[in-house]
Every structure is written in structure tokens, then in C-alpha cells.
Protein backbone atom coordinates (compact mmCIF):
# COMPACT_ATOMS: atom_id res chain seq x y z
CA UNK A 1 114.74 107.83 -31.78
CA UNK A 2 111.48 108.90 -33.49
CA UNK A 3 113.32 109.08 -36.82
CA UNK A 4 114.46 105.46 -36.45
CA UNK A 5 110.96 104.32 -35.46
CA UNK A 6 109.41 106.27 -38.35
CA UNK A 7 111.85 104.76 -40.82
CA UNK A 8 111.03 101.26 -39.54
CA UNK A 9 107.28 101.92 -39.86
CA UNK A 10 107.58 103.13 -43.42
CA UNK A 11 109.81 100.21 -44.46
CA UNK A 12 107.36 97.76 -42.84
CA UNK A 13 104.43 99.37 -44.66
CA UNK A 14 106.28 99.43 -47.97
CA UNK A 15 106.96 95.70 -47.73
CA UNK A 16 103.25 95.02 -47.17
CA UNK A 17 102.27 97.32 -50.05
CA UNK A 18 104.63 95.47 -52.40
CA UNK A 19 103.27 92.13 -51.18
CA UNK A 20 99.60 93.10 -51.67
CA UNK A 21 99.22 91.51 -55.13
CA UNK A 22 100.42 88.11 -53.92
CA UNK A 23 98.68 87.94 -50.54
CA UNK A 24 95.74 85.47 -50.44
CA UNK A 25 92.90 87.97 -50.20
CA UNK A 26 89.52 86.65 -51.27
CA UNK A 27 85.97 87.94 -51.26
CA UNK A 28 82.98 86.16 -49.76
CA UNK A 29 80.32 84.81 -52.09
CA UNK A 30 77.44 87.30 -51.97
CA UNK A 31 73.96 86.00 -51.14
CA UNK A 32 71.05 88.38 -51.73
CA UNK A 33 68.56 86.95 -49.24
CA UNK A 34 68.34 84.63 -46.25
CA UNK A 35 65.98 82.48 -48.32
CA UNK A 36 68.95 81.42 -50.46
CA UNK A 37 70.87 79.95 -47.52
CA UNK A 38 69.46 76.46 -48.11
CA UNK A 39 71.65 76.20 -51.22
CA UNK A 40 74.70 77.09 -49.13
CA UNK A 41 73.88 74.45 -46.51
CA UNK A 42 73.61 71.82 -49.23
CA UNK A 43 76.74 72.97 -51.08
CA UNK A 44 78.87 72.97 -47.92
CA UNK A 45 77.27 69.77 -46.54
CA UNK A 46 76.48 71.55 -43.28
CA UNK A 47 74.95 69.29 -40.61
CA UNK A 48 75.07 71.38 -37.42
CA UNK A 49 75.65 75.09 -37.12
CA UNK A 50 76.25 77.59 -34.30
CA UNK A 51 74.33 80.83 -34.73
CA UNK A 52 76.22 83.71 -33.11
CA UNK A 53 74.15 86.80 -32.34
CA UNK A 54 72.95 89.04 -29.50
CA UNK A 55 69.80 89.54 -27.44
CA UNK A 56 68.66 92.54 -29.47
CA UNK A 57 68.64 90.57 -32.72
CA UNK A 58 66.57 87.82 -31.08
CA UNK A 59 64.11 90.25 -29.47
CA UNK A 60 63.59 92.14 -32.74
CA UNK A 61 62.74 88.93 -34.58
CA UNK A 62 65.63 89.24 -37.02
CA UNK A 63 66.74 85.69 -36.30
CA UNK A 64 63.45 84.19 -37.47
CA UNK A 65 64.20 84.10 -41.24
CA UNK A 66 67.47 82.27 -40.54
CA UNK A 67 65.87 79.76 -38.17
CA UNK A 68 63.11 79.08 -40.70
CA UNK A 69 65.63 78.21 -43.41
CA UNK A 70 67.67 76.06 -41.00
CA UNK A 71 64.61 74.06 -39.95
CA UNK A 72 63.28 73.68 -43.49
CA UNK A 73 66.73 72.47 -44.58
CA UNK A 74 66.99 69.93 -41.76
CA UNK A 75 70.14 71.51 -40.34
CA UNK A 76 70.70 71.16 -36.60
CA UNK A 77 71.54 74.39 -34.84
CA UNK A 78 72.46 75.95 -31.52
CA UNK A 79 72.26 79.63 -30.63
CA UNK A 80 74.70 81.84 -28.74
CA UNK A 81 72.97 85.18 -28.11
CA UNK A 82 75.11 86.73 -25.39
CA UNK A 83 77.52 88.62 -27.63
CA UNK A 84 78.34 92.00 -26.10
CA UNK A 85 78.66 95.28 -28.06
CA UNK A 86 82.44 94.90 -27.81
CA UNK A 87 82.83 91.10 -27.85
CA UNK A 88 85.05 89.72 -25.15
CA UNK A 89 87.37 86.78 -24.74
CA UNK A 90 84.76 85.31 -22.37
CA UNK A 91 82.07 85.62 -25.07
CA UNK A 92 84.25 83.63 -27.45
CA UNK A 93 85.10 80.94 -24.91
CA UNK A 94 81.48 80.51 -23.79
CA UNK A 95 80.28 80.21 -27.38
CA UNK A 96 83.07 77.78 -28.17
CA UNK A 97 81.76 75.42 -25.49
CA UNK A 98 78.29 75.48 -27.08
CA UNK A 99 79.89 74.81 -30.48
CA UNK A 100 81.65 71.73 -29.08
CA UNK A 101 78.68 70.45 -27.07
CA UNK A 102 76.48 70.46 -30.18
CA UNK A 103 79.10 68.98 -32.53
CA UNK A 104 78.81 71.98 -34.81
CA UNK A 105 80.70 72.12 -38.08
CA UNK A 106 79.89 75.67 -39.22
CA UNK A 107 79.08 79.17 -38.03
CA UNK A 108 76.50 81.84 -38.83
CA UNK A 109 77.01 85.37 -37.51
CA UNK A 110 73.94 87.61 -37.64
CA UNK A 111 74.07 91.13 -36.28
CA UNK A 112 76.55 93.97 -36.32
CA UNK A 113 80.30 93.82 -36.20
CA UNK A 114 80.24 92.33 -32.72
CA UNK A 115 78.53 89.11 -33.79
CA UNK A 116 80.81 88.71 -36.80
CA UNK A 117 83.96 89.46 -34.81
CA UNK A 118 82.88 86.98 -32.15
CA UNK A 119 82.16 84.27 -34.74
CA UNK A 120 85.53 84.80 -36.44
CA UNK A 121 87.31 84.43 -33.12
CA UNK A 122 85.30 81.27 -32.34
CA UNK A 123 86.43 79.89 -35.69
CA UNK A 124 90.03 80.70 -34.81
CA UNK A 125 89.70 78.85 -31.50
CA UNK A 126 88.20 75.83 -33.29
CA UNK A 127 91.21 75.82 -35.59
CA UNK A 128 93.62 76.27 -32.66
CA UNK A 129 91.97 74.57 -29.66
CA UNK A 130 95.04 74.90 -27.43
CA UNK A 131 95.94 78.49 -28.29
CA UNK A 132 94.66 81.52 -26.36
CA UNK A 133 93.19 84.36 -28.44
CA UNK A 134 95.86 86.70 -27.15
CA UNK A 135 98.44 84.55 -28.96
CA UNK A 136 96.56 85.06 -32.23
CA UNK A 137 96.43 88.86 -32.09
CA UNK A 138 98.09 90.77 -34.89
CA UNK A 139 98.84 89.78 -38.45
CA UNK A 140 98.83 86.29 -39.96
CA UNK A 141 98.67 84.40 -36.68
CA UNK A 142 95.74 82.24 -37.83
CA UNK A 143 96.90 80.14 -40.77
CA UNK A 144 94.64 77.10 -40.48
CA UNK A 145 91.24 76.93 -42.18
CA UNK A 146 88.35 77.80 -39.87
CA UNK A 147 84.82 76.29 -40.10
CA UNK A 148 82.55 77.63 -42.85
CA UNK A 149 81.45 81.10 -41.73
CA UNK A 150 78.33 82.82 -43.07
CA UNK A 151 78.08 86.53 -42.17
CA UNK A 152 74.69 88.25 -42.13
CA UNK A 153 75.01 91.96 -41.32
CA UNK A 154 71.99 93.71 -39.82
CA UNK A 155 73.80 97.05 -39.76
CA UNK A 156 75.47 98.87 -42.63
CA UNK A 157 78.78 99.85 -41.15
CA UNK A 158 81.34 97.36 -40.05
CA UNK A 159 82.20 95.71 -43.34
CA UNK A 160 83.21 92.77 -41.17
CA UNK A 161 81.43 90.46 -43.61
CA UNK A 162 84.31 90.99 -46.07
CA UNK A 163 87.32 91.63 -43.82
CA UNK A 164 90.05 89.49 -42.31
CA UNK A 165 89.80 91.26 -38.94
CA UNK A 166 88.20 90.29 -35.65
CA UNK A 167 88.27 92.86 -32.84
CA UNK A 168 88.20 91.34 -29.35
CA UNK A 169 88.16 92.92 -25.90
CA UNK A 170 90.13 91.45 -23.01
CA UNK A 171 88.02 92.61 -20.08
CA UNK A 172 90.58 91.51 -17.51
CA UNK A 173 93.30 93.73 -18.97
CA UNK A 174 91.01 96.48 -20.33
CA UNK A 175 92.60 95.87 -23.71
CA UNK A 176 91.13 95.63 -27.19
CA UNK A 177 93.04 93.96 -29.99
CA UNK A 178 92.67 92.68 -33.52
CA UNK A 179 93.14 89.25 -35.04
CA UNK A 180 93.99 89.83 -38.72
CA UNK A 181 94.37 86.69 -40.79
CA UNK A 182 93.05 85.58 -44.18
CA UNK A 183 91.19 82.44 -42.98
CA UNK A 184 88.94 84.76 -40.93
CA UNK A 185 87.32 86.21 -44.06
CA UNK A 186 83.75 84.84 -44.14
CA UNK A 187 82.99 82.30 -46.85
CA UNK A 188 79.56 83.83 -47.55
CA UNK A 189 77.97 87.25 -46.94
CA UNK A 190 74.20 87.76 -46.96
CA UNK A 191 73.37 91.35 -47.96
CA UNK A 192 69.65 91.49 -47.24
CA UNK A 193 68.43 95.07 -46.84
CA UNK A 194 65.16 93.98 -45.21
CA UNK A 195 67.12 92.94 -42.13
CA UNK A 196 68.20 96.56 -41.61
CA UNK A 197 64.73 98.15 -41.80
CA UNK A 198 64.19 98.12 -38.04
CA UNK A 199 67.67 99.36 -37.11
CA UNK A 200 67.11 102.36 -34.79
CA UNK A 201 68.19 105.80 -35.96
CA UNK A 202 71.03 106.09 -33.45
CA UNK A 203 72.55 102.86 -34.78
CA UNK A 204 71.91 103.71 -38.42
CA UNK A 205 73.91 106.90 -37.92
CA UNK A 206 76.89 105.55 -36.00
CA UNK A 207 77.32 102.35 -37.99
CA UNK A 208 77.05 104.34 -41.21
CA UNK A 209 79.75 106.73 -40.00
CA UNK A 210 81.87 103.69 -39.16
CA UNK A 211 81.64 102.66 -42.82
CA UNK A 212 82.67 106.18 -43.84
CA UNK A 213 85.67 105.98 -41.51
CA UNK A 214 86.73 102.74 -43.19
CA UNK A 215 86.52 104.33 -46.63
CA UNK A 216 88.34 107.50 -45.59
CA UNK A 217 91.20 105.84 -43.72
CA UNK A 218 91.70 103.27 -46.46
CA UNK A 219 91.84 106.01 -49.10
CA UNK A 220 94.18 108.47 -47.39
CA UNK A 221 96.69 105.82 -46.29
CA UNK A 222 99.94 105.08 -48.09
CA UNK A 223 99.23 101.43 -49.02
CA UNK A 224 96.41 101.84 -51.51
CA UNK A 225 95.86 100.09 -54.81
CA UNK A 226 93.78 101.12 -57.80
CA UNK A 227 91.07 98.73 -56.59
CA UNK A 228 90.98 99.95 -52.98
CA UNK A 229 90.94 103.59 -54.08
CA UNK A 230 87.97 102.85 -56.35
CA UNK A 231 86.11 100.99 -53.61
CA UNK A 232 86.74 103.76 -51.06
CA UNK A 233 85.54 106.50 -53.40
CA UNK A 234 82.44 104.51 -54.40
CA UNK A 235 81.64 103.83 -50.75
CA UNK A 236 82.04 107.52 -49.88
CA UNK A 237 79.66 108.54 -52.66
CA UNK A 238 77.05 105.99 -51.60
CA UNK A 239 77.25 107.00 -47.94
CA UNK A 240 76.84 110.73 -48.56
CA UNK A 241 73.97 110.06 -50.95
CA UNK A 242 72.08 107.62 -48.71
CA UNK A 243 72.93 107.77 -45.02
CA UNK A 244 70.57 110.60 -44.11
CA UNK A 245 67.74 109.00 -46.10
CA UNK A 246 68.28 105.70 -44.27
CA UNK A 247 68.43 107.62 -40.99
CA UNK A 248 65.19 109.53 -41.69
CA UNK A 249 63.23 106.58 -43.08
CA UNK A 250 64.39 103.14 -42.06
CA UNK A 251 62.07 101.49 -44.59
CA UNK A 252 63.65 103.26 -47.56
CA UNK A 253 64.78 100.06 -49.29
CA UNK A 254 67.00 101.78 -51.83
CA UNK A 255 68.86 103.76 -49.15
CA UNK A 256 69.23 100.71 -46.90
CA UNK A 257 70.50 98.56 -49.76
CA UNK A 258 72.95 101.22 -50.91
CA UNK A 259 74.28 101.58 -47.37
CA UNK A 260 74.83 97.82 -47.15
CA UNK A 261 76.82 97.90 -50.38
CA UNK A 262 78.72 100.98 -49.21
CA UNK A 263 79.76 99.18 -46.03
CA UNK A 264 80.80 96.15 -48.07
CA UNK A 265 82.90 98.26 -50.45
CA UNK A 266 84.50 100.18 -47.57
CA UNK A 267 85.26 96.88 -45.86
CA UNK A 268 86.93 95.60 -49.00
CA UNK A 269 89.01 98.77 -49.20
CA UNK A 270 90.32 98.78 -45.65
CA UNK A 271 90.81 95.02 -45.59
CA UNK A 272 93.68 95.55 -48.04
CA UNK A 273 94.72 99.13 -47.33
CA UNK A 274 94.13 99.18 -43.55
CA UNK A 275 92.83 101.94 -41.35
CA UNK A 276 94.62 104.55 -39.22
CA UNK A 277 94.74 106.53 -36.01
CA UNK A 278 90.96 107.11 -35.90
CA UNK A 279 90.44 103.39 -35.42
CA UNK A 280 93.39 102.99 -33.08
CA UNK A 281 92.09 105.68 -30.72
CA UNK A 282 88.51 104.38 -31.01
CA UNK A 283 89.62 100.84 -30.14
CA UNK A 284 91.41 102.09 -27.02
CA UNK A 285 88.25 103.88 -25.88
CA UNK A 286 86.20 100.76 -26.56
CA UNK A 287 88.62 98.60 -24.63
CA UNK A 288 88.73 100.94 -21.63
CA UNK A 289 85.16 102.22 -21.39
CA UNK A 290 83.10 100.11 -23.77
CA UNK A 291 82.55 103.14 -26.01
CA UNK A 292 80.59 101.96 -29.08
CA UNK A 293 83.01 101.77 -31.98
CA UNK A 294 80.91 103.57 -34.58
CA UNK A 295 80.19 106.43 -32.19
CA UNK A 296 83.86 106.77 -31.28
CA UNK A 297 84.90 106.81 -34.94
CA UNK A 298 82.31 109.43 -35.85
CA UNK A 299 83.37 111.77 -33.06
CA UNK A 300 87.12 111.30 -33.47
CA UNK A 301 87.28 111.42 -37.28
CA UNK A 302 87.25 115.21 -37.88
CA UNK A 303 89.96 115.84 -35.29
CA UNK A 304 92.36 113.26 -36.67
CA UNK A 305 91.79 114.32 -40.28
CA UNK A 306 92.52 117.94 -39.36
CA UNK A 307 95.71 116.90 -37.61
CA UNK A 308 97.11 115.28 -40.76
CA UNK A 309 97.27 118.72 -42.36
CA UNK A 310 98.81 119.01 -45.80
CA UNK A 311 99.90 115.36 -45.78
CA UNK A 312 96.25 114.43 -46.46
CA UNK A 313 94.86 117.50 -48.24
CA UNK A 314 95.00 116.07 -51.77
CA UNK A 315 93.30 112.78 -50.94
CA UNK A 316 90.71 114.40 -48.66
CA UNK A 317 89.92 116.78 -51.52
CA UNK A 318 89.26 113.81 -53.82
CA UNK A 319 87.02 112.23 -51.19
CA UNK A 320 85.18 115.54 -50.94
CA UNK A 321 84.57 115.54 -54.69
CA UNK A 322 83.25 111.95 -54.47
CA UNK A 323 80.99 113.04 -51.61
CA UNK A 324 79.68 115.98 -53.63
CA UNK A 325 80.68 118.57 -51.03
CA UNK A 326 83.43 120.38 -52.94
CA UNK A 327 84.54 121.03 -56.49
CA UNK A 328 87.45 119.70 -58.47
CA UNK A 329 88.67 123.26 -59.00
CA UNK A 330 88.92 123.93 -55.26
CA UNK A 331 92.43 123.93 -53.87
CA UNK A 332 93.38 120.72 -52.10
CA UNK A 333 93.30 122.56 -48.77
CA UNK A 334 89.85 124.04 -49.46
CA UNK A 335 88.52 120.67 -50.61
CA UNK A 336 89.87 118.91 -47.53
CA UNK A 337 88.38 121.54 -45.21
CA UNK A 338 84.99 121.30 -46.92
CA UNK A 339 85.04 117.51 -46.63
CA UNK A 340 85.86 117.61 -42.90
CA UNK A 341 83.13 120.23 -42.38
CA UNK A 342 80.68 117.96 -44.23
CA UNK A 343 81.54 115.09 -41.87
CA UNK A 344 80.80 117.32 -38.88
CA UNK A 345 77.52 118.37 -40.51
CA UNK A 346 76.50 114.73 -41.03
CA UNK A 347 77.17 114.05 -37.35
CA UNK A 348 75.07 117.05 -36.29
CA UNK A 349 72.20 116.20 -38.65
CA UNK A 350 72.00 112.70 -37.19
CA UNK A 351 72.29 113.68 -33.54
CA UNK A 352 75.78 112.30 -32.99
CA UNK A 353 77.48 114.24 -30.16
CA UNK A 354 80.65 116.22 -30.76
CA UNK A 355 82.30 114.88 -27.61
CA UNK A 356 82.44 111.70 -25.51
CA UNK A 357 81.81 111.67 -21.79
CA UNK A 358 83.60 109.69 -19.12
CA UNK A 359 87.19 109.89 -20.37
CA UNK A 360 89.51 110.06 -17.37
CA UNK A 361 92.64 112.11 -17.68
CA UNK A 362 94.63 109.51 -15.74
CA UNK A 363 93.76 106.88 -18.36
CA UNK A 364 94.86 108.89 -21.38
CA UNK A 365 98.60 108.08 -21.43
CA UNK A 366 97.95 104.33 -21.26
CA UNK A 367 95.21 104.48 -23.91
CA UNK A 368 97.49 106.49 -26.18
CA UNK A 369 100.19 103.84 -25.78
CA UNK A 370 97.68 101.15 -26.74
CA UNK A 371 96.67 103.19 -29.79
CA UNK A 372 100.28 103.69 -30.86
CA UNK A 373 101.05 100.01 -30.38
CA UNK A 374 98.07 99.05 -32.54
CA UNK A 375 98.78 101.54 -35.30
CA UNK A 376 102.56 101.52 -35.60
CA UNK A 377 104.03 100.04 -37.73
CA UNK A 378 101.01 98.40 -39.43
CA UNK A 379 98.72 101.29 -40.32
CA UNK A 380 100.09 103.29 -43.29
CA UNK A 381 98.86 106.66 -42.01
CA UNK A 382 99.57 109.91 -43.89
CA UNK A 383 101.59 111.24 -40.97
CA UNK A 384 103.19 109.19 -38.20
CA UNK A 385 102.57 110.18 -34.58
CA UNK A 386 103.91 109.15 -31.21
CA UNK A 387 101.83 108.14 -28.21
CA UNK A 388 102.33 111.60 -26.70
CA UNK A 389 100.99 113.19 -29.89
CA UNK A 390 98.01 110.83 -29.92
CA UNK A 391 97.07 111.97 -26.40
CA UNK A 392 95.76 115.18 -27.94
CA UNK A 393 92.81 113.41 -29.52
CA UNK A 394 91.51 112.14 -26.19
CA UNK A 395 91.48 115.70 -24.88
CA UNK A 396 89.84 116.88 -28.12
CA UNK A 397 86.89 114.53 -27.75
CA UNK A 398 86.58 114.45 -23.95
CA UNK A 399 83.50 116.14 -22.54
CA UNK A 400 82.16 115.26 -19.14
CA UNK A 401 78.83 117.00 -19.79
CA UNK A 402 77.75 114.96 -22.81
CA UNK A 403 75.75 111.80 -22.29
CA UNK A 404 76.01 108.98 -24.81
CA UNK A 405 74.22 106.31 -22.82
CA UNK A 406 71.78 105.84 -25.69
CA UNK A 407 74.64 104.74 -27.93
CA UNK A 408 76.08 102.08 -25.65
CA UNK A 409 74.05 99.22 -27.08
CA UNK A 410 75.71 99.07 -30.49
CA UNK A 411 79.13 98.45 -31.89
CA UNK A 412 80.61 98.29 -35.35
CA UNK A 413 84.16 97.20 -36.25
């Protein structure tokens, strides 16, 4: 039975890889500063806009530059600031009502992956007012144009400002799923490093490791292109060269800017080449326990990469060379092992725990099924695994003595 399922997965992935050159991928137009948004408002003839964000962004004053430009441009606006770290169906529906009440015609998402995922899903609901989000999960379920979406990341991790994905949590069913459709790609992305200066260390670390996960999974998968391989390697180099500097000194403009561009490149890579089991397991933990996505990815990543064994050695070696942690003359196995060890070292240096507390053994089989359902057949992983094989990773990362309460307030996609 597994042979038949594996064959189906590989055929499915091959079809998508062949179709990559003709699929309607596009990149957002890059804006270097919030001050330049007035030109976008004029170009798009925007009259009323819904700003999607969260309480932390408002309290830290990061919304002020956007509001100033909106008011100076004479654009009406409404604010939805109740986005949760793992945005829910209820978040989307509540924000949609505000969008309608204020006759909005466009969307701004400012924050981490949560705000951008929420805004994308709001756009999908505007395009399909009679369709529940659950009916839009998966690939190419949103085909209509959504309102103009401007993404303003305040973390360097999710890459959501360039991707076609929106990750939504169904709190009623303890499920987390992805909407993956081309109209969800933001029209504009504002990469303004000054907005990331005040990002706390714990969020700088986990969102940055989320970006690394995107680059790694995109690169080691079986549906890469010359472009996505280049983007993933460039992102990996930038992250290893800058993440600890950004973590140590939040006002290091060069490090912050490089991390923003690393996240953007990694987002571009996985948007076309997809992710893998690291993300699938992390999403199941987020859906069940609200585990912050970047934290889950950082903790899970070394275990999954080790499990791929020789099927990923060569590509992990190349990533290690790009990261500057191994040599080209190392064997592929040695290079892969050095790269995985370097990931663990990054986690330790930035205070990211090795384990995750609160995982209940009784929940593991169901979470593993969710992870398998998400990953197979879409994710072109180096080595296919069943739900029973995926259960191992939950045991690998489970630790009931480690507290990660300090990480609960952030999320990256």
C-alpha cells in the first residue's frame, strides 16, 4: 500500500515540477520605505483600506508611520488589531465585517506572518463571500482576484510578503491548514528595516530560524529550479552571516536589512519549491497547542534533517558550504552533519530550547495524521514518510520540563 501511495506522491510532484514554468507566479513590487506608500495609494486609486495587524504592533508604535502616510494621502482607513499569533477563522471573519462596514477596497498587513496570513484570507473571503475558508484550503482554490494587498513585514522570517500561502487555524477543530493560490500573493511588499529594530531577541531568533527552514526545505526538495536553488542558497548565506548580529544588536541596520532580504529570498524559494515535513509537523503543533511556528520549526528542523539520511546529504552539504560551516572537499555526509550541527549551535546561541513542552502522547497519532495529510502528496520531500513514521518527531521534541511561555506571543509562517 505504501508503495502505491509513494508512487502517487512522486507522480503528483513531478507533474507540478513540469508545470512550474507555466504557472502564474509573480513577485510583489518592492517598496523600500513606508514613506513611499502614498505613490501606491495614488497608483491603485485606493479610497478606503483595512489595516490588519495585532496589539503588539500598535503598542510598539510600529503602526504610526503607516497611519501618517494614510492621513497625509487622504485615504480612509479602519484597523483590525486582534490578529492572534496563529490567525484563526474567527479572526478572518471578524476582520471581514470591519472591511465591509467601512466599504474598504484594499488591505494592508503589518506585522509578522500572522497579520499577512490573516489579510490574505480576508482577501479570499472578499473574493468569495459565500464560501467558507475550509472550502478554499489546499492548492488553487482561490482563482478570483483579491483586493490590492500591501504586505509590511516587521519580522524577518515568514516570507509571507512574497508567497501564495495563508496559514489559518480552525480553533473549533484544532486544525491548521493552508490556502495556496496565486491571487494571494501580495501586490506590494514594504521591506523597511527600521520597522524591525525593536523586535525582541526571542522573536528575532525564532522568525529568523523560520526563514532558514524555508530556505532549507525548498533547497532539499525534489521540485527545485535553478532560480529557487539560487534563492535558497543566497538566503542561507545571509542568515548565517547576519542572524546572530541582528539578535545581539537589534539596531544593527545592515544585519536587519540583510535578514529582511533573506526572508524574502527564502519565501520566493519555497513559494515555488514548497516546504516539507518540518513545516507539516510544526503546523500540527500550532493547530493543536498554539505553538509559535518559528519556534516549532527551529526545534524540529535538526531531527527531520537527520532522518532524511543519505537522501539529503548532498544538498545539505551544499547548504553547509553556503552557510560557511563546512568545506567543499568534505564528504556529503560530513558536510550534512556539520550543517545540522551548525543549526543546533545557532539555536543554542540564541536561547532557543531543544525541546517543546506540553505535547500529549494521546494527541500524537492525530497530529501525525494531520502532518501526513498536509505534506503528502504536495511536498516534494527527499524521503517519503507515513504518519506512523512522522510520530517519531513528536517524541523527539517533546519535553515536559522545558518552558516556552516566552515564545508564545509570536508566529511566523
